[in-house]
Amino acid sequence: MRRIIVGITGASGVIYGVRFLEMVKRYAGDSEVHLVVSNTAIDILRYETELDKGSLLKLADKVYTEDELGAPIASGSFKHDGMVVIPCSMKTLASIAHGITDNLITRAADVTLKERRRLILVIRETPLNLIHIKNMELVTLAGAIVMPAAPAFYNRPRTIDDMVNFIVGRVLDLLGIENDLYRRWSGYTEE
């Protein structure tokens, strides 16, 4: 059974996290999902979607609060197949980059890095300043994958769902989870 840790932070784009949880269950139904949602993410969820906190939490097998630093996922002895922070705020990126583990999302990310497991940070900010870029460099050097939530257009998205599915499909790809959420590049073709 695959174990995945998911952190949803207070960046705009909480729909990416929601869709990722839905699609992990769809494409890797045998996965055990451990979820941490920041307090700010709950506010963003209410503002940006029609969902409530209860609906979001039902998408995971285990749920923790951000201040639950004694949770199993805060330890390197907790075996898992990867962690995704989706969306990842610049505050969370900075904390991870500098080893500040003052909440469960940043602690689990720090442990993921030290144990040399896959950490994917789906950042959602634009434009970027030099501090953001330097923090992305630091986490990349530490072993994380920084994935901006920047959908492609070669697949000719027609809806917001198409754009969200592209990003979520790419994250699933990075975790080795087969999916058909987006049309893959096959070269220039005449249509």
C-alpha atoms as a PDB file:
ATOM      1  CA  MET A   1       0.000   0.000   0.000  1.00  0.00           C
ATOM      2  CA  ARG A   2       1.242   3.460  -0.938  1.00  0.00           C
ATOM      3  CA  ARG A   3       1.360   6.125   1.819  1.00  0.00           C
ATOM      4  CA  ILE A   4       1.249   9.786   0.840  1.00  0.00           C
ATOM      5  CA  ILE A   5       1.424  12.869   3.058  1.00  0.00           C
ATOM      6  CA  VAL A   6      -0.473  15.907   1.788  1.00  0.00           C
ATOM      7  CA  GLY A   7      -0.171  19.425   3.142  1.00  0.00           C
ATOM      8  CA  ILE A   8      -2.577  22.148   2.066  1.00  0.00           C
ATOM      9  CA  THR A   9      -1.425  25.644   2.991  1.00  0.00           C
ATOM     10  CA  GLY A  10      -3.005  29.078   2.860  1.00  0.00           C
ATOM     11  CA  ALA A  11      -1.956  29.993  -0.667  1.00  0.00           C
ATOM     12  CA  SER A  12      -4.586  30.751  -3.264  1.00  0.00           C
ATOM     13  CA  GLY A  13      -5.361  27.674  -5.338  1.00  0.00           C
ATOM     14  CA  VAL A  14      -6.738  25.342  -2.684  1.00  0.00           C
ATOM     15  CA  ILE A  15      -8.612  23.605  -5.524  1.00  0.00           C
ATOM     16  CA  TYR A  16      -5.300  21.996  -6.512  1.00  0.00           C
ATOM     17  CA  GLY A  17      -5.131  20.293  -3.127  1.00  0.00           C
ATOM     18  CA  VAL A  18      -8.763  19.231  -3.223  1.00  0.00           C
ATOM     19  CA  ARG A  19      -8.450  17.783  -6.728  1.00  0.00           C
ATOM     20  CA  PHE A  20      -5.180  16.050  -5.827  1.00  0.00           C
ATOM     21  CA  LEU A  21      -6.894  14.270  -2.912  1.00  0.00           C
ATOM     22  CA  GLU A  22      -9.792  13.246  -5.164  1.00  0.00           C
ATOM     23  CA  MET A  23      -7.488  11.933  -7.879  1.00  0.00           C
ATOM     24  CA  VAL A  24      -5.179   9.996  -5.560  1.00  0.00           C
ATOM     25  CA  LYS A  25      -8.226   8.004  -4.503  1.00  0.00           C
ATOM     26  CA  ARG A  26      -9.306   7.603  -8.133  1.00  0.00           C
ATOM     27  CA  TYR A  27      -5.952   6.525  -9.570  1.00  0.00           C
ATOM     28  CA  ALA A  28      -4.306   4.945  -6.525  1.00  0.00           C
ATOM     29  CA  GLY A  29      -7.261   3.807  -4.467  1.00  0.00           C
ATOM     30  CA  ASP A  30      -5.126   1.570  -2.296  1.00  0.00           C
ATOM     31  CA  SER A  31      -3.167   4.609  -1.079  1.00  0.00           C
ATOM     32  CA  GLU A  32      -3.290   5.768   2.509  1.00  0.00           C
ATOM     33  CA  VAL A  33      -3.455   9.560   2.557  1.00  0.00           C
ATOM     34  CA  HIS A  34      -2.296  11.547   5.596  1.00  0.00           C
ATOM     35  CA  LEU A  35      -3.550  15.137   5.435  1.00  0.00           C
ATOM     36  CA  VAL A  36      -2.578  18.349   7.212  1.00  0.00           C
ATOM     37  CA  VAL A  37      -4.558  21.483   6.381  1.00  0.00           C
ATOM     38  CA  SER A  38      -3.351  24.814   7.719  1.00  0.00           C
ATOM     39  CA  ASN A  39      -5.824  27.082   9.487  1.00  0.00           C
ATOM     40  CA  THR A  40      -5.444  29.689   6.752  1.00  0.00           C
ATOM     41  CA  ALA A  41      -6.152  27.048   4.094  1.00  0.00           C
ATOM     42  CA  ILE A  42      -9.565  26.464   5.678  1.00  0.00           C
ATOM     43  CA  ASP A  43     -10.341  30.174   5.236  1.00  0.00           C
ATOM     44  CA  ILE A  44      -9.152  30.028   1.605  1.00  0.00           C
ATOM     45  CA  LEU A  45     -11.252  26.882   1.025  1.00  0.00           C
ATOM     46  CA  ARG A  46     -14.381  28.761   2.091  1.00  0.00           C
ATOM     47  CA  TYR A  47     -13.485  31.784  -0.027  1.00  0.00           C
ATOM     48  CA  GLU A  48     -12.421  30.052  -3.244  1.00  0.00           C
ATOM     49  CA  THR A  49     -14.706  27.003  -3.385  1.00  0.00           C
ATOM     50  CA  GLU A  50     -18.150  25.760  -2.488  1.00  0.00           C
ATOM     51  CA  LEU A  51     -16.634  23.154  -0.152  1.00  0.00           C
ATOM     52  CA  ASP A  52     -16.587  23.106   3.610  1.00  0.00           C
ATOM     53  CA  LYS A  53     -13.922  21.762   5.941  1.00  0.00           C
ATOM     54  CA  GLY A  54     -15.777  18.488   6.542  1.00  0.00           C
ATOM     55  CA  SER A  55     -15.972  17.703   2.831  1.00  0.00           C
ATOM     56  CA  LEU A  56     -12.246  18.282   2.468  1.00  0.00           C
ATOM     57  CA  LEU A  57     -11.252  16.174   5.459  1.00  0.00           C
ATOM     58  CA  LYS A  58     -13.334  13.221   4.208  1.00  0.00           C
ATOM     59  CA  LEU A  59     -10.941  12.922   1.255  1.00  0.00           C
ATOM     60  CA  ALA A  60      -8.131  11.637   3.500  1.00  0.00           C
ATOM     61  CA  ASP A  61      -7.597   8.517   5.570  1.00  0.00           C
ATOM     62  CA  LYS A  62      -5.832  10.288   8.448  1.00  0.00           C
ATOM     63  CA  VAL A  63      -6.163  13.974   9.283  1.00  0.00           C
ATOM     64  CA  TYR A  64      -3.999  16.087  11.576  1.00  0.00           C
ATOM     65  CA  THR A  65      -4.107  19.695  12.712  1.00  0.00           C
ATOM     66  CA  GLU A  66      -1.175  21.926  11.901  1.00  0.00           C
ATOM     67  CA  ASP A  67      -0.159  22.145  15.564  1.00  0.00           C
ATOM     68  CA  GLU A  68      -0.182  18.353  16.101  1.00  0.00           C
ATOM     69  CA  LEU A  69       3.602  18.018  16.189  1.00  0.00           C
ATOM     70  CA  GLY A  70       3.372  14.642  17.944  1.00  0.00           C
ATOM     71  CA  ALA A  71       1.668  13.041  14.915  1.00  0.00           C
ATOM     72  CA  PRO A  72       3.315   9.977  13.340  1.00  0.00           C
ATOM     73  CA  ILE A  73       4.185  11.926  10.167  1.00  0.00           C
ATOM     74  CA  ALA A  74       6.460  14.195  12.236  1.00  0.00           C
ATOM     75  CA  SER A  75       8.950  11.344  12.624  1.00  0.00           C
ATOM     76  CA  GLY A  76      11.481   9.865  10.248  1.00  0.00           C
ATOM     77  CA  SER A  77      10.395   6.428  11.416  1.00  0.00           C
ATOM     78  CA  PHE A  78       7.057   6.973   9.634  1.00  0.00           C
ATOM     79  CA  LYS A  79       7.545   5.289   6.266  1.00  0.00           C
ATOM     80  CA  HIS A  80       5.850   6.921   3.308  1.00  0.00           C
ATOM     81  CA  ASP A  81       6.157   7.191  -0.461  1.00  0.00           C
ATOM     82  CA  GLY A  82       6.196  10.953  -0.751  1.00  0.00           C
ATOM     83  CA  MET A  83       4.830  14.244   0.473  1.00  0.00           C
ATOM     84  CA  VAL A  84       3.039  16.897  -1.559  1.00  0.00           C
ATOM     85  CA  VAL A  85       2.384  20.439  -0.360  1.00  0.00           C
ATOM     86  CA  ILE A  86      -0.371  21.646  -2.678  1.00  0.00           C
ATOM     87  CA  PRO A  87      -0.709  24.593  -2.830  1.00  0.00           C
ATOM     88  CA  CYS A  88       2.488  25.670  -1.111  1.00  0.00           C
ATOM     89  CA  SER A  89       2.531  29.225   0.213  1.00  0.00           C
ATOM     90  CA  MET A  90       5.697  31.297   0.115  1.00  0.00           C
ATOM     91  CA  LYS A  91       5.679  31.277   3.938  1.00  0.00           C
ATOM     92  CA  THR A  92       5.717  27.474   3.951  1.00  0.00           C
ATOM     93  CA  LEU A  93       8.385  27.396   1.234  1.00  0.00           C
ATOM     94  CA  ALA A  94      10.553  29.771   3.302  1.00  0.00           C
ATOM     95  CA  SER A  95      10.091  27.699   6.454  1.00  0.00           C
ATOM     96  CA  ILE A  96      11.035  24.480   4.665  1.00  0.00           C
ATOM     97  CA  ALA A  97      14.013  26.139   2.969  1.00  0.00           C
ATOM     98  CA  HIS A  98      15.380  27.336   6.308  1.00  0.00           C
ATOM     99  CA  GLY A  99      14.503  24.333   8.466  1.00  0.00           C
ATOM    100  CA  ILE A 100      11.842  26.120  10.508  1.00  0.00           C
ATOM    101  CA  THR A 101       9.559  23.349  11.713  1.00  0.00           C
ATOM    102  CA  ASP A 102       6.984  25.246  13.733  1.00  0.00           C
ATOM    103  CA  ASN A 103       3.935  23.412  12.383  1.00  0.00           C
ATOM    104  CA  LEU A 104       3.184  19.883  11.227  1.00  0.00           C
ATOM    105  CA  ILE A 105       3.393  20.666   7.514  1.00  0.00           C
ATOM    106  CA  THR A 106       6.899  22.103   7.777  1.00  0.00           C
ATOM    107  CA  ARG A 107       8.007  19.429  10.245  1.00  0.00           C
ATOM    108  CA  ALA A 108       6.776  16.592   7.992  1.00  0.00           C
ATOM    109  CA  ALA A 109       8.471  18.257   5.006  1.00  0.00           C
ATOM    110  CA  ASP A 110      11.729  18.603   6.937  1.00  0.00           C
ATOM    111  CA  VAL A 111      11.588  14.934   7.930  1.00  0.00           C
ATOM    112  CA  THR A 112      10.809  13.962   4.327  1.00  0.00           C
ATOM    113  CA  LEU A 113      13.943  15.776   3.169  1.00  0.00           C
ATOM    114  CA  LYS A 114      16.192  14.349   5.870  1.00  0.00           C
ATOM    115  CA  GLU A 115      14.995  10.826   5.093  1.00  0.00           C
ATOM    116  CA  ARG A 116      15.636  11.448   1.363  1.00  0.00           C
ATOM    117  CA  ARG A 117      12.027  10.836   0.385  1.00  0.00           C
ATOM    118  CA  ARG A 118      10.167  12.628  -2.408  1.00  0.00           C
ATOM    119  CA  LEU A 119       8.903  16.106  -1.487  1.00  0.00           C
ATOM    120  CA  ILE A 120       6.879  18.026  -4.075  1.00  0.00           C
ATOM    121  CA  LEU A 121       6.081  21.690  -3.438  1.00  0.00           C
ATOM    122  CA  VAL A 122       3.368  23.052  -5.725  1.00  0.00           C
ATOM    123  CA  ILE A 123       3.995  26.746  -5.320  1.00  0.00           C
ATOM    124  CA  ARG A 124       1.280  29.222  -6.166  1.00  0.00           C
ATOM    125  CA  GLU A 125       2.608  32.756  -6.343  1.00  0.00           C
ATOM    126  CA  THR A 126       3.326  35.291  -9.056  1.00  0.00           C
ATOM    127  CA  PRO A 127       5.382  37.280  -9.685  1.00  0.00           C
ATOM    128  CA  LEU A 128       8.336  35.916  -7.752  1.00  0.00           C
ATOM    129  CA  ASN A 129      10.857  38.030  -5.895  1.00  0.00           C
ATOM    130  CA  LEU A 130      14.489  37.103  -5.321  1.00  0.00           C
ATOM    131  CA  ILE A 131      13.729  35.755  -1.833  1.00  0.00           C
ATOM    132  CA  HIS A 132      11.197  33.299  -3.306  1.00  0.00           C
ATOM    133  CA  ILE A 133      13.699  32.222  -5.963  1.00  0.00           C
ATOM    134  CA  LYS A 134      16.502  31.728  -3.421  1.00  0.00           C
ATOM    135  CA  ASN A 135      14.160  29.676  -1.224  1.00  0.00           C
ATOM    136  CA  MET A 136      13.247  27.523  -4.222  1.00  0.00           C
ATOM    137  CA  GLU A 137      16.943  27.035  -4.879  1.00  0.00           C
ATOM    138  CA  LEU A 138      17.562  25.975  -1.265  1.00  0.00           C
ATOM    139  CA  VAL A 139      14.775  23.386  -1.185  1.00  0.00           C
ATOM    140  CA  THR A 140      15.831  22.065  -4.586  1.00  0.00           C
ATOM    141  CA  LEU A 141      19.403  21.638  -3.371  1.00  0.00           C
ATOM    142  CA  ALA A 142      17.990  19.817  -0.332  1.00  0.00           C
ATOM    143  CA  GLY A 143      16.173  17.368  -2.615  1.00  0.00           C
ATOM    144  CA  ALA A 144      12.675  18.790  -3.037  1.00  0.00           C
ATOM    145  CA  ILE A 145      10.891  19.208  -6.357  1.00  0.00           C
ATOM    146  CA  VAL A 146       9.490  22.704  -6.889  1.00  0.00           C
ATOM    147  CA  MET A 147       6.529  22.646  -9.227  1.00  0.00           C
ATOM    148  CA  PRO A 148       4.893  25.964  -9.992  1.00  0.00           C
ATOM    149  CA  ALA A 149       1.144  25.706 -10.514  1.00  0.00           C
ATOM    150  CA  ALA A 150       1.562  26.856 -14.108  1.00  0.00           C
ATOM    151  CA  PRO A 151      -0.623  24.855 -16.475  1.00  0.00           C
ATOM    152  CA  ALA A 152       0.413  24.164 -20.042  1.00  0.00           C
ATOM    153  CA  PHE A 153      -1.632  25.204 -23.048  1.00  0.00           C
ATOM    154  CA  TYR A 154      -0.493  22.659 -25.653  1.00  0.00           C
ATOM    155  CA  ASN A 155      -3.373  20.472 -24.477  1.00  0.00           C
ATOM    156  CA  ARG A 156      -5.786  23.312 -25.272  1.00  0.00           C
ATOM    157  CA  PRO A 157      -7.579  23.602 -21.923  1.00  0.00           C
ATOM    158  CA  ARG A 158     -11.149  24.751 -22.221  1.00  0.00           C
ATOM    159  CA  THR A 159     -12.073  25.030 -18.551  1.00  0.00           C
ATOM    160  CA  ILE A 160     -10.500  25.782 -15.203  1.00  0.00           C
ATOM    161  CA  ASP A 161     -10.910  22.066 -14.443  1.00  0.00           C
ATOM    162  CA  ASP A 162      -8.708  21.254 -17.450  1.00  0.00           C
ATOM    163  CA  MET A 163      -5.970  23.533 -16.098  1.00  0.00           C
ATOM    164  CA  VAL A 164      -6.256  22.150 -12.562  1.00  0.00           C
ATOM    165  CA  ASN A 165      -6.215  18.589 -13.892  1.00  0.00           C
ATOM    166  CA  PHE A 166      -3.005  19.279 -15.815  1.00  0.00           C
ATOM    167  CA  ILE A 167      -1.167  20.315 -12.641  1.00  0.00           C
ATOM    168  CA  VAL A 168      -2.627  17.482 -10.571  1.00  0.00           C
ATOM    169  CA  GLY A 169      -1.824  14.961 -13.304  1.00  0.00           C
ATOM    170  CA  ARG A 170       1.797  16.127 -13.371  1.00  0.00           C
ATOM    171  CA  VAL A 171       2.043  15.772  -9.571  1.00  0.00           C
ATOM    172  CA  LEU A 172       0.644  12.245  -9.821  1.00  0.00           C
ATOM    173  CA  ASP A 173       3.259  11.563 -12.517  1.00  0.00           C
ATOM    174  CA  LEU A 174       6.014  12.702 -10.146  1.00  0.00           C
ATOM    175  CA  LEU A 175       4.728  10.215  -7.563  1.00  0.00           C
ATOM    176  CA  GLY A 176       4.662   7.404 -10.142  1.00  0.00           C
ATOM    177  CA  ILE A 177       0.855   7.214 -10.184  1.00  0.00           C
ATOM    178  CA  GLU A 178      -0.508   6.465 -13.656  1.00  0.00           C
ATOM    179  CA  ASN A 179      -3.305   8.798 -14.728  1.00  0.00           C
ATOM    180  CA  ASP A 180      -5.050  10.205 -17.765  1.00  0.00           C
ATOM    181  CA  LEU A 181      -5.942  13.620 -16.394  1.00  0.00           C
ATOM    182  CA  TYR A 182      -4.414  15.525 -19.274  1.00  0.00           C
ATOM    183  CA  ARG A 183      -3.407  15.058 -22.877  1.00  0.00           C
ATOM    184  CA  ARG A 184       0.319  14.365 -23.026  1.00  0.00           C
ATOM    185  CA  TRP A 185       2.606  16.104 -25.483  1.00  0.00           C
ATOM    186  CA  SER A 186       3.075  14.002 -28.600  1.00  0.00           C
ATOM    187  CA  GLY A 187       4.877  16.495 -30.790  1.00  0.00           C
ATOM    188  CA  TYR A 188       3.608  19.027 -33.248  1.00  0.00           C
ATOM    189  CA  THR A 189       0.697  17.640 -35.206  1.00  0.00           C
ATOM    190  CA  GLU A 190      -1.682  19.179 -37.671  1.00  0.00           C
ATOM    191  CA  GLU A 191      -5.261  18.990 -36.608  1.00  0.00           C
END
